[in-house]
Amino acid sequence: MSTFPTLRSLARHRVDPDLAPLRVRSCRDLCNWNATPVERRGEPLFACRGCGSQWVPSEPWTPREASGDIPPAVLDLLRSDD
């Protein structure tokens, strides 16, 4: 008998992506934020290629690149809310 879970059991235990917490990890001076094609809770999801963190506009913090700059796509999005 196989010890691997069946596809059916994986589907039953899969967490709804809108309910799962965002990944927020410590910066390693490799930050490179990019928009993703995914939406979380109706908001655009951004992800860091350096540390794997995730961000949506409703978060109380703002992502920064390794240089300390706010990524242009994030800045445009934040300015459009004004």
PDB file of N, CA and C in Angstrom:
ATOM      1  N   MET A   1       0.835  -1.174   0.000  1.00  0.00           N
ATOM      2  CA  MET A   1       0.000   0.000   0.000  1.00  0.00           C
ATOM      3  C   MET A   1       0.883   1.241   0.000  1.00  0.00           C
ATOM      4  N   SER A   2       0.520   2.242  -0.792  1.00  0.00           N
ATOM      5  CA  SER A   2       1.300   3.466  -0.912  1.00  0.00           C
ATOM      6  C   SER A   2       1.127   4.356   0.314  1.00  0.00           C
ATOM      7  N   THR A   3       2.193   5.041   0.697  1.00  0.00           N
ATOM      8  CA  THR A   3       2.110   5.977   1.820  1.00  0.00           C
ATOM      9  C   THR A   3       1.794   7.387   1.347  1.00  0.00           C
ATOM     10  N   PHE A   4       1.681   7.592   0.042  1.00  0.00           N
ATOM     11  CA  PHE A   4       1.366   8.905  -0.498  1.00  0.00           C
ATOM     12  C   PHE A   4      -0.134   9.161  -0.421  1.00  0.00           C
ATOM     13  N   PRO A   5      -0.549  10.399  -0.080  1.00  0.00           N
ATOM     14  CA  PRO A   5      -1.981  10.694  -0.028  1.00  0.00           C
ATOM     15  C   PRO A   5      -2.589  10.678  -1.430  1.00  0.00           C
ATOM     16  N   THR A   6      -3.842  10.323  -1.507  1.00  0.00           N
ATOM     17  CA  THR A   6      -4.524  10.325  -2.799  1.00  0.00           C
ATOM     18  C   THR A   6      -4.886  11.748  -3.186  1.00  0.00           C
ATOM     19  N   LEU A   7      -5.112  11.973  -4.465  1.00  0.00           N
ATOM     20  CA  LEU A   7      -5.515  13.304  -4.924  1.00  0.00           C
ATOM     21  C   LEU A   7      -6.822  13.732  -4.280  1.00  0.00           C
ATOM     22  N   ARG A   8      -7.725  12.799  -4.091  1.00  0.00           N
ATOM     23  CA  ARG A   8      -9.013  13.125  -3.476  1.00  0.00           C
ATOM     24  C   ARG A   8      -8.811  13.632  -2.044  1.00  0.00           C
ATOM     25  N   SER A   9      -7.923  13.003  -1.276  1.00  0.00           N
ATOM     26  CA  SER A   9      -7.700  13.454   0.097  1.00  0.00           C
ATOM     27  C   SER A   9      -6.995  14.802   0.119  1.00  0.00           C
ATOM     28  N   LEU A  10      -6.127  15.068  -0.839  1.00  0.00           N
ATOM     29  CA  LEU A  10      -5.475  16.377  -0.908  1.00  0.00           C
ATOM     30  C   LEU A  10      -6.483  17.469  -1.203  1.00  0.00           C
ATOM     31  N   ALA A  11      -7.429  17.197  -2.081  1.00  0.00           N
ATOM     32  CA  ALA A  11      -8.445  18.189  -2.440  1.00  0.00           C
ATOM     33  C   ALA A  11      -9.324  18.522  -1.238  1.00  0.00           C
ATOM     34  N   ARG A  12      -9.607  17.542  -0.405  1.00  0.00           N
ATOM     35  CA  ARG A  12     -10.447  17.790   0.771  1.00  0.00           C
ATOM     36  C   ARG A  12      -9.745  18.643   1.808  1.00  0.00           C
ATOM     37  N   HIS A  13      -8.432  18.558   1.888  1.00  0.00           N
ATOM     38  CA  HIS A  13      -7.683  19.254   2.926  1.00  0.00           C
ATOM     39  C   HIS A  13      -7.047  20.557   2.447  1.00  0.00           C
ATOM     40  N   ARG A  14      -7.288  20.929   1.206  1.00  0.00           N
ATOM     41  CA  ARG A  14      -6.695  22.141   0.674  1.00  0.00           C
ATOM     42  C   ARG A  14      -7.345  23.368   1.306  1.00  0.00           C
ATOM     43  N   VAL A  15      -6.545  24.318   1.748  1.00  0.00           N
ATOM     44  CA  VAL A  15      -7.032  25.534   2.384  1.00  0.00           C
ATOM     45  C   VAL A  15      -7.434  26.536   1.306  1.00  0.00           C
ATOM     46  N   ASP A  16      -8.547  27.207   1.529  1.00  0.00           N
ATOM     47  CA  ASP A  16      -8.985  28.268   0.621  1.00  0.00           C
ATOM     48  C   ASP A  16      -7.916  29.353   0.634  1.00  0.00           C
ATOM     49  N   PRO A  17      -7.353  29.724  -0.534  1.00  0.00           N
ATOM     50  CA  PRO A  17      -6.271  30.714  -0.556  1.00  0.00           C
ATOM     51  C   PRO A  17      -6.667  32.060   0.037  1.00  0.00           C
ATOM     52  N   ASP A  18      -7.951  32.410  -0.014  1.00  0.00           N
ATOM     53  CA  ASP A  18      -8.379  33.679   0.574  1.00  0.00           C
ATOM     54  C   ASP A  18      -8.366  33.638   2.101  1.00  0.00           C
ATOM     55  N   LEU A  19      -8.407  32.459   2.680  1.00  0.00           N
ATOM     56  CA  LEU A  19      -8.412  32.333   4.133  1.00  0.00           C
ATOM     57  C   LEU A  19      -7.025  32.078   4.707  1.00  0.00           C
ATOM     58  N   ALA A  20      -6.112  31.633   3.881  1.00  0.00           N
ATOM     59  CA  ALA A  20      -4.760  31.348   4.352  1.00  0.00           C
ATOM     60  C   ALA A  20      -4.028  32.651   4.671  1.00  0.00           C
ATOM     61  N   PRO A  21      -3.220  32.659   5.725  1.00  0.00           N
ATOM     62  CA  PRO A  21      -2.471  33.880   6.046  1.00  0.00           C
ATOM     63  C   PRO A  21      -1.406  34.162   4.982  1.00  0.00           C
ATOM     64  N   LEU A  22      -1.087  35.437   4.821  1.00  0.00           N
ATOM     65  CA  LEU A  22      -0.008  35.821   3.906  1.00  0.00           C
ATOM     66  C   LEU A  22       1.323  35.345   4.485  1.00  0.00           C
ATOM     67  N   ARG A  23       2.262  35.035   3.613  1.00  0.00           N
ATOM     68  CA  ARG A  23       3.609  34.688   4.063  1.00  0.00           C
ATOM     69  C   ARG A  23       4.375  35.992   4.295  1.00  0.00           C
ATOM     70  N   VAL A  24       4.902  36.167   5.478  1.00  0.00           N
ATOM     71  CA  VAL A  24       5.726  37.338   5.786  1.00  0.00           C
ATOM     72  C   VAL A  24       6.981  36.813   6.452  1.00  0.00           C
ATOM     73  N   ARG A  25       8.088  36.988   5.774  1.00  0.00           N
ATOM     74  CA  ARG A  25       9.365  36.469   6.273  1.00  0.00           C
ATOM     75  C   ARG A  25      10.354  37.606   6.464  1.00  0.00           C
ATOM     76  N   SER A  26      11.388  37.340   7.195  1.00  0.00           N
ATOM     77  CA  SER A  26      12.430  38.341   7.418  1.00  0.00           C
ATOM     78  C   SER A  26      13.141  38.662   6.111  1.00  0.00           C
ATOM     79  N   CYS A  27      13.391  39.935   5.909  1.00  0.00           N
ATOM     80  CA  CYS A  27      14.104  40.370   4.710  1.00  0.00           C
ATOM     81  C   CYS A  27      15.561  39.907   4.789  1.00  0.00           C
ATOM     82  N   ARG A  28      16.079  39.503   3.645  1.00  0.00           N
ATOM     83  CA  ARG A  28      17.477  39.060   3.588  1.00  0.00           C
ATOM     84  C   ARG A  28      18.281  39.952   2.645  1.00  0.00           C
ATOM     85  N   ASP A  29      17.851  41.196   2.491  1.00  0.00           N
ATOM     86  CA  ASP A  29      18.504  42.148   1.587  1.00  0.00           C
ATOM     87  C   ASP A  29      18.494  41.661   0.140  1.00  0.00           C
ATOM     88  N   LEU A  30      17.502  40.844  -0.212  1.00  0.00           N
ATOM     89  CA  LEU A  30      17.355  40.342  -1.575  1.00  0.00           C
ATOM     90  C   LEU A  30      16.012  40.774  -2.166  1.00  0.00           C
ATOM     91  N   CYS A  31      15.315  41.665  -1.493  1.00  0.00           N
ATOM     92  CA  CYS A  31      13.932  41.968  -1.846  1.00  0.00           C
ATOM     93  C   CYS A  31      13.776  42.453  -3.292  1.00  0.00           C
ATOM     94  N   ASN A  32      12.834  41.821  -3.966  1.00  0.00           N
ATOM     95  CA  ASN A  32      12.493  42.145  -5.347  1.00  0.00           C
ATOM     96  C   ASN A  32      11.004  41.857  -5.494  1.00  0.00           C
ATOM     97  N   TRP A  33      10.173  42.875  -5.261  1.00  0.00           N
ATOM     98  CA  TRP A  33       8.718  42.722  -5.228  1.00  0.00           C
ATOM     99  C   TRP A  33       8.130  42.783  -6.621  1.00  0.00           C
ATOM    100  N   ASN A  34       7.168  41.889  -6.864  1.00  0.00           N
ATOM    101  CA  ASN A  34       6.506  41.814  -8.162  1.00  0.00           C
ATOM    102  C   ASN A  34       5.022  41.541  -7.976  1.00  0.00           C
ATOM    103  N   ALA A  35       4.217  42.122  -8.878  1.00  0.00           N
ATOM    104  CA  ALA A  35       2.792  41.803  -8.899  1.00  0.00           C
ATOM    105  C   ALA A  35       2.636  40.369  -9.388  1.00  0.00           C
ATOM    106  N   THR A  36       1.649  39.671  -8.868  1.00  0.00           N
ATOM    107  CA  THR A  36       1.352  38.315  -9.319  1.00  0.00           C
ATOM    108  C   THR A  36       0.001  38.342 -10.038  1.00  0.00           C
ATOM    109  N   PRO A  37      -0.331  37.306 -10.778  1.00  0.00           N
ATOM    110  CA  PRO A  37      -1.636  37.258 -11.433  1.00  0.00           C
ATOM    111  C   PRO A  37      -2.759  36.835 -10.473  1.00  0.00           C
ATOM    112  N   VAL A  38      -2.449  36.684  -9.202  1.00  0.00           N
ATOM    113  CA  VAL A  38      -3.391  36.176  -8.206  1.00  0.00           C
ATOM    114  C   VAL A  38      -4.009  37.328  -7.423  1.00  0.00           C
ATOM    115  N   GLU A  39      -5.261  37.153  -7.036  1.00  0.00           N
ATOM    116  CA  GLU A  39      -5.910  38.081  -6.118  1.00  0.00           C
ATOM    117  C   GLU A  39      -6.181  37.368  -4.813  1.00  0.00           C
ATOM    118  N   ARG A  40      -5.984  38.064  -3.699  1.00  0.00           N
ATOM    119  CA  ARG A  40      -6.310  37.542  -2.370  1.00  0.00           C
ATOM    120  C   ARG A  40      -7.351  38.450  -1.763  1.00  0.00           C
ATOM    121  N   ARG A  41      -8.477  37.892  -1.411  1.00  0.00           N
ATOM    122  CA  ARG A  41      -9.557  38.665  -0.803  1.00  0.00           C
ATOM    123  C   ARG A  41      -9.944  39.863  -1.662  1.00  0.00           C
ATOM    124  N   GLY A  42      -9.885  39.681  -2.984  1.00  0.00           N
ATOM    125  CA  GLY A  42     -10.254  40.742  -3.918  1.00  0.00           C
ATOM    126  C   GLY A  42      -9.186  41.803  -4.127  1.00  0.00           C
ATOM    127  N   GLU A  43      -7.997  41.593  -3.600  1.00  0.00           N
ATOM    128  CA  GLU A  43      -6.904  42.556  -3.743  1.00  0.00           C
ATOM    129  C   GLU A  43      -5.769  41.927  -4.546  1.00  0.00           C
ATOM    130  N   PRO A  44      -5.009  42.768  -5.264  1.00  0.00           N
ATOM    131  CA  PRO A  44      -3.857  42.227  -5.991  1.00  0.00           C
ATOM    132  C   PRO A  44      -2.805  41.714  -5.006  1.00  0.00           C
ATOM    133  N   LEU A  45      -2.225  40.582  -5.323  1.00  0.00           N
ATOM    134  CA  LEU A  45      -1.200  39.972  -4.468  1.00  0.00           C
ATOM    135  C   LEU A  45       0.174  40.256  -5.056  1.00  0.00           C
ATOM    136  N   PHE A  46       1.067  40.761  -4.224  1.00  0.00           N
ATOM    137  CA  PHE A  46       2.460  40.985  -4.601  1.00  0.00           C
ATOM    138  C   PHE A  46       3.308  39.970  -3.852  1.00  0.00           C
ATOM    139  N   ALA A  47       4.414  39.553  -4.461  1.00  0.00           N
ATOM    140  CA  ALA A  47       5.301  38.579  -3.832  1.00  0.00           C
ATOM    141  C   ALA A  47       6.750  39.015  -4.013  1.00  0.00           C
ATOM    142  N   CYS A  48       7.561  38.715  -2.999  1.00  0.00           N
ATOM    143  CA  CYS A  48       8.984  39.022  -3.041  1.00  0.00           C
ATOM    144  C   CYS A  48       9.737  37.798  -3.551  1.00  0.00           C
ATOM    145  N   ARG A  49      10.530  38.006  -4.566  1.00  0.00           N
ATOM    146  CA  ARG A  49      11.340  36.905  -5.105  1.00  0.00           C
ATOM    147  C   ARG A  49      12.556  36.614  -4.243  1.00  0.00           C
ATOM    148  N   GLY A  50      12.889  37.518  -3.352  1.00  0.00           N
ATOM    149  CA  GLY A  50      14.057  37.319  -2.502  1.00  0.00           C
ATOM    150  C   GLY A  50      13.771  36.491  -1.262  1.00  0.00           C
ATOM    151  N   CYS A  51      12.705  36.860  -0.525  1.00  0.00           N
ATOM    152  CA  CYS A  51      12.432  36.172   0.742  1.00  0.00           C
ATOM    153  C   CYS A  51      11.147  35.356   0.723  1.00  0.00           C
ATOM    154  N   GLY A  52      10.322  35.519  -0.308  1.00  0.00           N
ATOM    155  CA  GLY A  52       9.091  34.748  -0.407  1.00  0.00           C
ATOM    156  C   GLY A  52       7.902  35.360   0.315  1.00  0.00           C
ATOM    157  N   SER A  53       8.058  36.586   0.842  1.00  0.00           N
ATOM    158  CA  SER A  53       6.937  37.241   1.515  1.00  0.00           C
ATOM    159  C   SER A  53       5.856  37.613   0.513  1.00  0.00           C
ATOM    160  N   GLN A  54       4.645  37.842   1.042  1.00  0.00           N
ATOM    161  CA  GLN A  54       3.514  38.261   0.224  1.00  0.00           C
ATOM    162  C   GLN A  54       2.930  39.532   0.815  1.00  0.00           C
ATOM    163  N   TRP A  55       2.271  40.338  -0.045  1.00  0.00           N
ATOM    164  CA  TRP A  55       1.683  41.601   0.407  1.00  0.00           C
ATOM    165  C   TRP A  55       0.438  41.913  -0.402  1.00  0.00           C
ATOM    166  N   VAL A  56      -0.585  42.445   0.269  1.00  0.00           N
ATOM    167  CA  VAL A  56      -1.773  43.004  -0.373  1.00  0.00           C
ATOM    168  C   VAL A  56      -1.935  44.418   0.164  1.00  0.00           C
ATOM    169  N   PRO A  57      -2.602  45.310  -0.576  1.00  0.00           N
ATOM    170  CA  PRO A  57      -2.699  46.716  -0.172  1.00  0.00           C
ATOM    171  C   PRO A  57      -3.327  46.972   1.198  1.00  0.00           C
ATOM    172  N   SER A  58      -4.129  46.073   1.724  1.00  0.00           N
ATOM    173  CA  SER A  58      -4.748  46.306   3.030  1.00  0.00           C
ATOM    174  C   SER A  58      -3.798  46.036   4.200  1.00  0.00           C
ATOM    175  N   GLU A  59      -2.621  45.504   3.922  1.00  0.00           N
ATOM    176  CA  GLU A  59      -1.634  45.267   4.986  1.00  0.00           C
ATOM    177  C   GLU A  59      -1.165  46.611   5.550  1.00  0.00           C
ATOM    178  N   PRO A  60      -0.845  46.659   6.855  1.00  0.00           N
ATOM    179  CA  PRO A  60      -0.434  47.926   7.474  1.00  0.00           C
ATOM    180  C   PRO A  60       1.012  48.328   7.182  1.00  0.00           C
ATOM    181  N   TRP A  61       1.711  47.589   6.361  1.00  0.00           N
ATOM    182  CA  TRP A  61       3.098  47.902   6.025  1.00  0.00           C
ATOM    183  C   TRP A  61       3.229  47.987   4.510  1.00  0.00           C
ATOM    184  N   THR A  62       4.320  48.562   4.059  1.00  0.00           N
ATOM    185  CA  THR A  62       4.572  48.736   2.628  1.00  0.00           C
ATOM    186  C   THR A  62       5.846  48.007   2.253  1.00  0.00           C
ATOM    187  N   PRO A  63       5.792  47.176   1.219  1.00  0.00           N
ATOM    188  CA  PRO A  63       7.001  46.448   0.814  1.00  0.00           C
ATOM    189  C   PRO A  63       8.062  47.385   0.252  1.00  0.00           C
ATOM    190  N   ARG A  64       9.298  47.006   0.446  1.00  0.00           N
ATOM    191  CA  ARG A  64      10.431  47.790  -0.061  1.00  0.00           C
ATOM    192  C   ARG A  64      11.397  46.859  -0.778  1.00  0.00           C
ATOM    193  N   GLU A  65      12.024  47.404  -1.801  1.00  0.00           N
ATOM    194  CA  GLU A  65      13.060  46.670  -2.532  1.00  0.00           C
ATOM    195  C   GLU A  65      14.321  46.614  -1.674  1.00  0.00           C
ATOM    196  N   ALA A  66      15.300  45.840  -2.087  1.00  0.00           N
ATOM    197  CA  ALA A  66      16.570  45.740  -1.365  1.00  0.00           C
ATOM    198  C   ALA A  66      17.247  47.105  -1.261  1.00  0.00           C
ATOM    199  N   SER A  67      16.991  47.967  -2.238  1.00  0.00           N
ATOM    200  CA  SER A  67      17.574  49.317  -2.233  1.00  0.00           C
ATOM    201  C   SER A  67      16.883  50.255  -1.251  1.00  0.00           C
ATOM    202  N   GLY A  68      15.731  49.832  -0.706  1.00  0.00           N
ATOM    203  CA  GLY A  68      14.957  50.684   0.206  1.00  0.00           C
ATOM    204  C   GLY A  68      13.824  51.403  -0.495  1.00  0.00           C
ATOM    205  N   ASP A  69      13.784  51.363  -1.823  1.00  0.00           N
ATOM    206  CA  ASP A  69      12.730  52.026  -2.589  1.00  0.00           C
ATOM    207  C   ASP A  69      11.438  51.210  -2.554  1.00  0.00           C
ATOM    208  N   ILE A  70      10.308  51.913  -2.640  1.00  0.00           N
ATOM    209  CA  ILE A  70       9.020  51.246  -2.789  1.00  0.00           C
ATOM    210  C   ILE A  70       8.899  50.833  -4.249  1.00  0.00           C
ATOM    211  N   PRO A  71       8.530  49.592  -4.530  1.00  0.00           N
ATOM    212  CA  PRO A  71       8.405  49.149  -5.920  1.00  0.00           C
ATOM    213  C   PRO A  71       7.419  50.043  -6.687  1.00  0.00           C
ATOM    214  N   PRO A  72       7.721  50.402  -7.939  1.00  0.00           N
ATOM    215  CA  PRO A  72       6.856  51.294  -8.710  1.00  0.00           C
ATOM    216  C   PRO A  72       5.398  50.830  -8.805  1.00  0.00           C
ATOM    217  N   ALA A  73       5.153  49.541  -8.993  1.00  0.00           N
ATOM    218  CA  ALA A  73       3.774  49.048  -9.097  1.00  0.00           C
ATOM    219  C   ALA A  73       3.021  49.244  -7.782  1.00  0.00           C
ATOM    220  N   VAL A  74       3.704  49.068  -6.654  1.00  0.00           N
ATOM    221  CA  VAL A  74       3.091  49.276  -5.340  1.00  0.00           C
ATOM    222  C   VAL A  74       2.818  50.761  -5.140  1.00  0.00           C
ATOM    223  N   LEU A  75       3.773  51.601  -5.489  1.00  0.00           N
ATOM    224  CA  LEU A  75       3.614  53.045  -5.354  1.00  0.00           C
ATOM    225  C   LEU A  75       2.437  53.548  -6.189  1.00  0.00           C
ATOM    226  N   ASP A  76       2.320  53.075  -7.434  1.00  0.00           N
ATOM    227  CA  ASP A  76       1.191  53.452  -8.283  1.00  0.00           C
ATOM    228  C   ASP A  76      -0.128  53.041  -7.650  1.00  0.00           C
ATOM    229  N   LEU A  77      -0.172  51.835  -7.117  1.00  0.00           N
ATOM    230  CA  LEU A  77      -1.391  51.332  -6.486  1.00  0.00           C
ATOM    231  C   LEU A  77      -1.761  52.160  -5.252  1.00  0.00           C
ATOM    232  N   LEU A  78      -0.789  52.487  -4.419  1.00  0.00           N
ATOM    233  CA  LEU A  78      -1.056  53.284  -3.223  1.00  0.00           C
ATOM    234  C   LEU A  78      -1.482  54.698  -3.581  1.00  0.00           C
ATOM    235  N   ARG A  79      -0.900  55.267  -4.619  1.00  0.00           N
ATOM    236  CA  ARG A  79      -1.284  56.620  -5.048  1.00  0.00           C
ATOM    237  C   ARG A  79      -2.690  56.649  -5.634  1.00  0.00           C
ATOM    238  N   SER A  80      -3.110  55.558  -6.269  1.00  0.00           N
ATOM    239  CA  SER A  80      -4.440  55.524  -6.879  1.00  0.00           C
ATOM    240  C   SER A  80      -5.542  55.485  -5.826  1.00  0.00           C
ATOM    241  N   ASP A  81      -5.209  55.085  -4.591  1.00  0.00           N
ATOM    242  CA  ASP A  81      -6.193  55.052  -3.503  1.00  0.00           C
ATOM    243  C   ASP A  81      -6.462  56.416  -2.910  1.00  0.00           C
ATOM    244  N   ASP A  82      -5.633  57.405  -3.205  1.00  0.00           N
ATOM    245  CA  ASP A  82      -5.805  58.766  -2.639  1.00  0.00           C
ATOM    246  C   ASP A  82      -6.983  59.474  -3.222  1.00  0.00           C
TER     247      ASP A  82
END
